[in-house]
All heavy atoms as atom14 arrays in JSON, in Angstrom:
{
  "sequence": "IVGDADGVIVIPADIVEEVVDDALAQEEQD",
  "atom14_mask": [
    [1, 1, 1, 1, 1, 1, 1, 1, 0, 0, 0, 0, 0, 0],
    [1, 1, 1, 1, 1, 1, 1, 0, 0, 0, 0, 0, 0, 0],
    [1, 1, 1, 1, 0, 0, 0, 0, 0, 0, 0, 0, 0, 0],
    [1, 1, 1, 1, 1, 1, 1, 1, 0, 0, 0, 0, 0, 0],
    [1, 1, 1, 1, 1, 0, 0, 0, 0, 0, 0, 0, 0, 0],
    [1, 1, 1, 1, 1, 1, 1, 1, 0, 0, 0, 0, 0, 0],
    [1, 1, 1, 1, 0, 0, 0, 0, 0, 0, 0, 0, 0, 0],
    [1, 1, 1, 1, 1, 1, 1, 0, 0, 0, 0, 0, 0, 0],
    [1, 1, 1, 1, 1, 1, 1, 1, 0, 0, 0, 0, 0, 0],
    [1, 1, 1, 1, 1, 1, 1, 0, 0, 0, 0, 0, 0, 0],
    [1, 1, 1, 1, 1, 1, 1, 1, 0, 0, 0, 0, 0, 0],
    [1, 1, 1, 1, 1, 1, 1, 0, 0, 0, 0, 0, 0, 0],
    [1, 1, 1, 1, 1, 0, 0, 0, 0, 0, 0, 0, 0, 0],
    [1, 1, 1, 1, 1, 1, 1, 1, 0, 0, 0, 0, 0, 0],
    [1, 1, 1, 1, 1, 1, 1, 1, 0, 0, 0, 0, 0, 0],
    [1, 1, 1, 1, 1, 1, 1, 0, 0, 0, 0, 0, 0, 0],
    [1, 1, 1, 1, 1, 1, 1, 1, 1, 0, 0, 0, 0, 0],
    [1, 1, 1, 1, 1, 1, 1, 1, 1, 0, 0, 0, 0, 0],
    [1, 1, 1, 1, 1, 1, 1, 0, 0, 0, 0, 0, 0, 0],
    [1, 1, 1, 1, 1, 1, 1, 0, 0, 0, 0, 0, 0, 0],
    [1, 1, 1, 1, 1, 1, 1, 1, 0, 0, 0, 0, 0, 0],
    [1, 1, 1, 1, 1, 1, 1, 1, 0, 0, 0, 0, 0, 0],
    [1, 1, 1, 1, 1, 0, 0, 0, 0, 0, 0, 0, 0, 0],
    [1, 1, 1, 1, 1, 1, 1, 1, 0, 0, 0, 0, 0, 0],
    [1, 1, 1, 1, 1, 0, 0, 0, 0, 0, 0, 0, 0, 0],
    [1, 1, 1, 1, 1, 1, 1, 1, 1, 0, 0, 0, 0, 0],
    [1, 1, 1, 1, 1, 1, 1, 1, 1, 0, 0, 0, 0, 0],
    [1, 1, 1, 1, 1, 1, 1, 1, 1, 0, 0, 0, 0, 0],
    [1, 1, 1, 1, 1, 1, 1, 1, 1, 0, 0, 0, 0, 0],
    [1, 1, 1, 1, 1, 1, 1, 1, 0, 0, 0, 0, 0, 0]
  ],
  "atom14_positions": [
    [[0.85, -1.18, 0.0], [0.0, 0.0, 0.0], [0.89, 1.24, 0.0], [1.78, 1.36, 0.84], [-0.92, 0.03, 1.24], [-1.73, -1.27, 1.35], [-1.83, 1.24, 1.19], [-2.66, -1.54, 0.19], [0.0, 0.0, 0.0], [0.0, 0.0, 0.0], [0.0, 0.0, 0.0], [0.0, 0.0, 0.0], [0.0, 0.0, 0.0], [0.0, 0.0, 0.0]],
    [[0.63, 2.14, -0.96], [1.39, 3.39, -1.04], [0.4, 4.54, -1.15], [-0.53, 4.5, -1.97], [2.36, 3.4, -2.24], [3.17, 4.7, -2.27], [3.3, 2.2, -2.2], [0.0, 0.0, 0.0], [0.0, 0.0, 0.0], [0.0, 0.0, 0.0], [0.0, 0.0, 0.0], [0.0, 0.0, 0.0], [0.0, 0.0, 0.0], [0.0, 0.0, 0.0]],
    [[0.6, 5.57, -0.34], [-0.29, 6.72, -0.38], [0.48, 8.03, -0.28], [1.51, 8.1, 0.38], [0.0, 0.0, 0.0], [0.0, 0.0, 0.0], [0.0, 0.0, 0.0], [0.0, 0.0, 0.0], [0.0, 0.0, 0.0], [0.0, 0.0, 0.0], [0.0, 0.0, 0.0], [0.0, 0.0, 0.0], [0.0, 0.0, 0.0], [0.0, 0.0, 0.0]],
    [[-0.02, 9.05, -0.98], [0.5, 10.4, -0.85], [-0.67, 11.37, -1.04], [-1.83, 10.96, -0.94], [1.67, 10.65, -1.81], [1.32, 10.42, -3.27], [0.11, 10.44, -3.61], [2.23, 10.23, -4.09], [0.0, 0.0, 0.0], [0.0, 0.0, 0.0], [0.0, 0.0, 0.0], [0.0, 0.0, 0.0], [0.0, 0.0, 0.0], [0.0, 0.0, 0.0]],
    [[-0.38, 12.61, -1.32], [-1.46, 13.6, -1.44], [-2.42, 13.28, -2.58], [-3.57, 13.74, -2.58], [-0.86, 14.99, -1.63], [0.0, 0.0, 0.0], [0.0, 0.0, 0.0], [0.0, 0.0, 0.0], [0.0, 0.0, 0.0], [0.0, 0.0, 0.0], [0.0, 0.0, 0.0], [0.0, 0.0, 0.0], [0.0, 0.0, 0.0], [0.0, 0.0, 0.0]],
    [[-1.97, 12.51, -3.59], [-2.84, 12.15, -4.7], [-3.81, 11.03, -4.35], [-4.82, 10.85, -5.03], [-2.0, 11.71, -5.91], [-1.4, 12.88, -6.66], [-1.8, 14.03, -6.38], [-0.53, 12.64, -7.51], [0.0, 0.0, 0.0], [0.0, 0.0, 0.0], [0.0, 0.0, 0.0], [0.0, 0.0, 0.0], [0.0, 0.0, 0.0], [0.0, 0.0, 0.0]],
    [[-3.51, 10.24, -3.34], [-4.38, 9.13, -2.98], [-3.59, 7.89, -2.64], [-2.39, 7.94, -2.36], [0.0, 0.0, 0.0], [0.0, 0.0, 0.0], [0.0, 0.0, 0.0], [0.0, 0.0, 0.0], [0.0, 0.0, 0.0], [0.0, 0.0, 0.0], [0.0, 0.0, 0.0], [0.0, 0.0, 0.0], [0.0, 0.0, 0.0], [0.0, 0.0, 0.0]],
    [[-4.27, 6.74, -2.68], [-3.69, 5.47, -2.25], [-3.81, 4.45, -3.38], [-4.88, 4.3, -3.99], [-4.41, 4.93, -0.99], [-3.79, 3.6, -0.55], [-4.35, 5.95, 0.14], [0.0, 0.0, 0.0], [0.0, 0.0, 0.0], [0.0, 0.0, 0.0], [0.0, 0.0, 0.0], [0.0, 0.0, 0.0], [0.0, 0.0, 0.0], [0.0, 0.0, 0.0]],
    [[-2.71, 3.72, -3.64], [-2.74, 2.66, -4.63], [-2.32, 1.34, -3.99], [-1.67, 1.31, -2.94], [-1.85, 2.96, -5.85], [-0.4, 3.13, -5.43], [-2.35, 4.16, -6.61], [0.55, 3.16, -6.62], [0.0, 0.0, 0.0], [0.0, 0.0, 0.0], [0.0, 0.0, 0.0], [0.0, 0.0, 0.0], [0.0, 0.0, 0.0], [0.0, 0.0, 0.0]],
    [[-2.71, 0.25, -4.66], [-2.44, -1.11, -4.2], [-1.51, -1.77, -5.22], [-1.83, -1.8, -6.41], [-3.75, -1.91, -4.07], [-3.48, -3.3, -3.54], [-4.75, -1.17, -3.21], [0.0, 0.0, 0.0], [0.0, 0.0, 0.0], [0.0, 0.0, 0.0], [0.0, 0.0, 0.0], [0.0, 0.0, 0.0], [0.0, 0.0, 0.0], [0.0, 0.0, 0.0]],
    [[-0.4, -2.32, -4.76], [0.57, -2.97, -5.66], [0.72, -4.44, -5.25], [1.04, -4.72, -4.09], [1.94, -2.28, -5.6], [1.81, -0.78, -5.81], [2.89, -2.89, -6.64], [3.12, -0.02, -5.65], [0.0, 0.0, 0.0], [0.0, 0.0, 0.0], [0.0, 0.0, 0.0], [0.0, 0.0, 0.0], [0.0, 0.0, 0.0], [0.0, 0.0, 0.0]],
    [[0.49, -5.38, -6.17], [0.73, -6.79, -5.82], [2.18, -6.99, -5.39], [3.11, -6.46, -6.0], [0.43, -7.53, -7.13], [-0.48, -6.6, -7.89], [-0.03, -5.22, -7.54], [0.0, 0.0, 0.0], [0.0, 0.0, 0.0], [0.0, 0.0, 0.0], [0.0, 0.0, 0.0], [0.0, 0.0, 0.0], [0.0, 0.0, 0.0], [0.0, 0.0, 0.0]],
    [[2.38, -7.75, -4.33], [3.71, -7.89, -3.74], [4.72, -8.51, -4.7], [5.91, -8.2, -4.64], [3.63, -8.72, -2.46], [0.0, 0.0, 0.0], [0.0, 0.0, 0.0], [0.0, 0.0, 0.0], [0.0, 0.0, 0.0], [0.0, 0.0, 0.0], [0.0, 0.0, 0.0], [0.0, 0.0, 0.0], [0.0, 0.0, 0.0], [0.0, 0.0, 0.0]],
    [[4.25, -9.38, -5.62], [5.2, -10.08, -6.47], [5.78, -9.22, -7.58], [6.75, -9.62, -8.24], [4.56, -11.35, -7.06], [3.32, -11.05, -7.89], [2.78, -9.93, -7.79], [2.89, -11.95, -8.64], [0.0, 0.0, 0.0], [0.0, 0.0, 0.0], [0.0, 0.0, 0.0], [0.0, 0.0, 0.0], [0.0, 0.0, 0.0], [0.0, 0.0, 0.0]],
    [[5.22, -8.01, -7.81], [5.77, -7.15, -8.87], [6.21, -5.8, -8.33], [6.61, -4.93, -9.11], [4.76, -6.95, -10.01], [3.49, -6.25, -9.51], [4.42, -8.27, -10.69], [2.55, -5.79, -10.64], [0.0, 0.0, 0.0], [0.0, 0.0, 0.0], [0.0, 0.0, 0.0], [0.0, 0.0, 0.0], [0.0, 0.0, 0.0], [0.0, 0.0, 0.0]],
    [[6.16, -5.6, -7.01], [6.42, -4.27, -6.48], [7.82, -3.78, -6.78], [8.05, -2.6, -7.07], [6.13, -4.24, -4.95], [7.07, -5.14, -4.18], [6.2, -2.8, -4.43], [0.0, 0.0, 0.0], [0.0, 0.0, 0.0], [0.0, 0.0, 0.0], [0.0, 0.0, 0.0], [0.0, 0.0, 0.0], [0.0, 0.0, 0.0], [0.0, 0.0, 0.0]],
    [[8.82, -4.68, -6.76], [10.2, -4.26, -7.0], [10.37, -3.69, -8.4], [10.94, -2.61, -8.61], [11.15, -5.43, -6.78], [12.6, -5.04, -6.67], [13.04, -4.76, -5.24], [12.77, -5.58, -4.35], [13.66, -3.69, -5.04], [0.0, 0.0, 0.0], [0.0, 0.0, 0.0], [0.0, 0.0, 0.0], [0.0, 0.0, 0.0], [0.0, 0.0, 0.0]],
    [[9.85, -4.41, -9.41], [10.01, -3.94, -10.78], [9.18, -2.68, -11.04], [9.61, -1.78, -11.78], [9.62, -5.04, -11.77], [8.16, -5.46, -11.72], [7.84, -6.57, -12.7], [8.26, -7.71, -12.47], [7.16, -6.28, -13.71], [0.0, 0.0, 0.0], [0.0, 0.0, 0.0], [0.0, 0.0, 0.0], [0.0, 0.0, 0.0], [0.0, 0.0, 0.0]],
    [[8.01, -2.61, -10.41], [7.16, -1.43, -10.59], [7.83, -0.18, -10.06], [7.87, 0.86, -10.72], [5.78, -1.65, -9.92], [5.01, -0.34, -9.82], [4.96, -2.67, -10.7], [0.0, 0.0, 0.0], [0.0, 0.0, 0.0], [0.0, 0.0, 0.0], [0.0, 0.0, 0.0], [0.0, 0.0, 0.0], [0.0, 0.0, 0.0], [0.0, 0.0, 0.0]],
    [[8.37, -0.25, -8.85], [8.99, 0.95, -8.28], [10.27, 1.32, -9.01], [10.56, 2.51, -9.2], [9.23, 0.77, -6.76], [10.34, -0.23, -6.47], [9.55, 2.12, -6.12], [0.0, 0.0, 0.0], [0.0, 0.0, 0.0], [0.0, 0.0, 0.0], [0.0, 0.0, 0.0], [0.0, 0.0, 0.0], [0.0, 0.0, 0.0], [0.0, 0.0, 0.0]],
    [[11.04, 0.32, -9.46], [12.25, 0.65, -10.23], [11.9, 1.38, -11.51], [12.53, 2.39, -11.87], [13.03, -0.64, -10.53], [13.77, -1.18, -9.33], [13.91, -0.44, -8.33], [14.19, -2.36, -9.36], [0.0, 0.0, 0.0], [0.0, 0.0, 0.0], [0.0, 0.0, 0.0], [0.0, 0.0, 0.0], [0.0, 0.0, 0.0], [0.0, 0.0, 0.0]],
    [[10.88, 0.88, -12.21], [10.49, 1.54, -13.46], [9.88, 2.91, -13.2], [10.07, 3.85, -13.99], [9.49, 0.66, -14.22], [10.16, -0.57, -14.83], [11.41, -0.67, -14.78], [9.43, -1.45, -15.35], [0.0, 0.0, 0.0], [0.0, 0.0, 0.0], [0.0, 0.0, 0.0], [0.0, 0.0, 0.0], [0.0, 0.0, 0.0], [0.0, 0.0, 0.0]],
    [[9.16, 3.04, -12.1], [8.57, 4.34, -11.78], [9.65, 5.37, -11.47], [9.56, 6.53, -11.91], [7.63, 4.2, -10.58], [0.0, 0.0, 0.0], [0.0, 0.0, 0.0], [0.0, 0.0, 0.0], [0.0, 0.0, 0.0], [0.0, 0.0, 0.0], [0.0, 0.0, 0.0], [0.0, 0.0, 0.0], [0.0, 0.0, 0.0], [0.0, 0.0, 0.0]],
    [[10.67, 4.97, -10.74], [11.76, 5.91, -10.44], [12.55, 6.28, -11.68], [12.97, 7.43, -11.84], [12.68, 5.31, -9.37], [12.06, 5.21, -7.96], [13.0, 4.48, -7.02], [11.72, 6.58, -7.41], [0.0, 0.0, 0.0], [0.0, 0.0, 0.0], [0.0, 0.0, 0.0], [0.0, 0.0, 0.0], [0.0, 0.0, 0.0], [0.0, 0.0, 0.0]],
    [[12.73, 5.3, -12.58], [13.41, 5.6, -13.84], [12.6, 6.6, -14.66], [13.15, 7.53, -15.27], [13.64, 4.31, -14.63], [0.0, 0.0, 0.0], [0.0, 0.0, 0.0], [0.0, 0.0, 0.0], [0.0, 0.0, 0.0], [0.0, 0.0, 0.0], [0.0, 0.0, 0.0], [0.0, 0.0, 0.0], [0.0, 0.0, 0.0], [0.0, 0.0, 0.0]],
    [[11.28, 6.42, -14.67], [10.42, 7.35, -15.4], [10.44, 8.73, -14.75], [10.42, 9.75, -15.46], [8.98, 6.81, -15.42], [8.02, 7.64, -16.27], [8.38, 7.63, -17.75], [8.58, 6.57, -18.33], [8.48, 8.81, -18.36], [0.0, 0.0, 0.0], [0.0, 0.0, 0.0], [0.0, 0.0, 0.0], [0.0, 0.0, 0.0], [0.0, 0.0, 0.0]],
    [[10.51, 8.78, -13.42], [10.6, 10.06, -12.73], [11.87, 10.82, -13.11], [11.86, 12.03, -13.31], [10.56, 9.84, -11.21], [9.19, 9.54, -10.64], [8.22, 10.68, -10.87], [8.49, 11.81, -10.42], [7.19, 10.44, -11.53], [0.0, 0.0, 0.0], [0.0, 0.0, 0.0], [0.0, 0.0, 0.0], [0.0, 0.0, 0.0], [0.0, 0.0, 0.0]],
    [[12.96, 10.07, -13.23], [14.22, 10.7, -13.64], [14.09, 11.27, -15.05], [14.54, 12.4, -15.34], [15.36, 9.68, -13.57], [16.72, 10.26, -13.92], [17.82, 9.22, -13.86], [17.52, 8.03, -13.62], [18.99, 9.59, -14.07], [0.0, 0.0, 0.0], [0.0, 0.0, 0.0], [0.0, 0.0, 0.0], [0.0, 0.0, 0.0], [0.0, 0.0, 0.0]],
    [[13.47, 10.5, -15.93], [13.28, 10.96, -17.31], [12.37, 12.17, -17.35], [12.66, 13.16, -18.05], [12.69, 9.82, -18.14], [12.36, 10.2, -19.57], [11.8, 9.02, -20.35], [12.45, 7.99, -20.49], [10.58, 9.17, -20.85], [0.0, 0.0, 0.0], [0.0, 0.0, 0.0], [0.0, 0.0, 0.0], [0.0, 0.0, 0.0], [0.0, 0.0, 0.0]],
    [[11.27, 12.15, -16.59], [10.34, 13.28, -16.59], [11.0, 14.53, -16.04], [10.72, 15.65, -16.5], [9.1, 12.92, -15.77], [8.22, 11.88, -16.47], [8.45, 11.6, -17.65], [7.3, 11.37, -15.79], [0.0, 0.0, 0.0], [0.0, 0.0, 0.0], [0.0, 0.0, 0.0], [0.0, 0.0, 0.0], [0.0, 0.0, 0.0], [0.0, 0.0, 0.0]]
  ]
}
């Protein structure tokens, strides 16, 4: 479970590592 000012999302535990890595890479690009 991850929440911030935008709201709360649910991430399946078996893919959380790859999801957050890709999200941070996209944040760097943005």
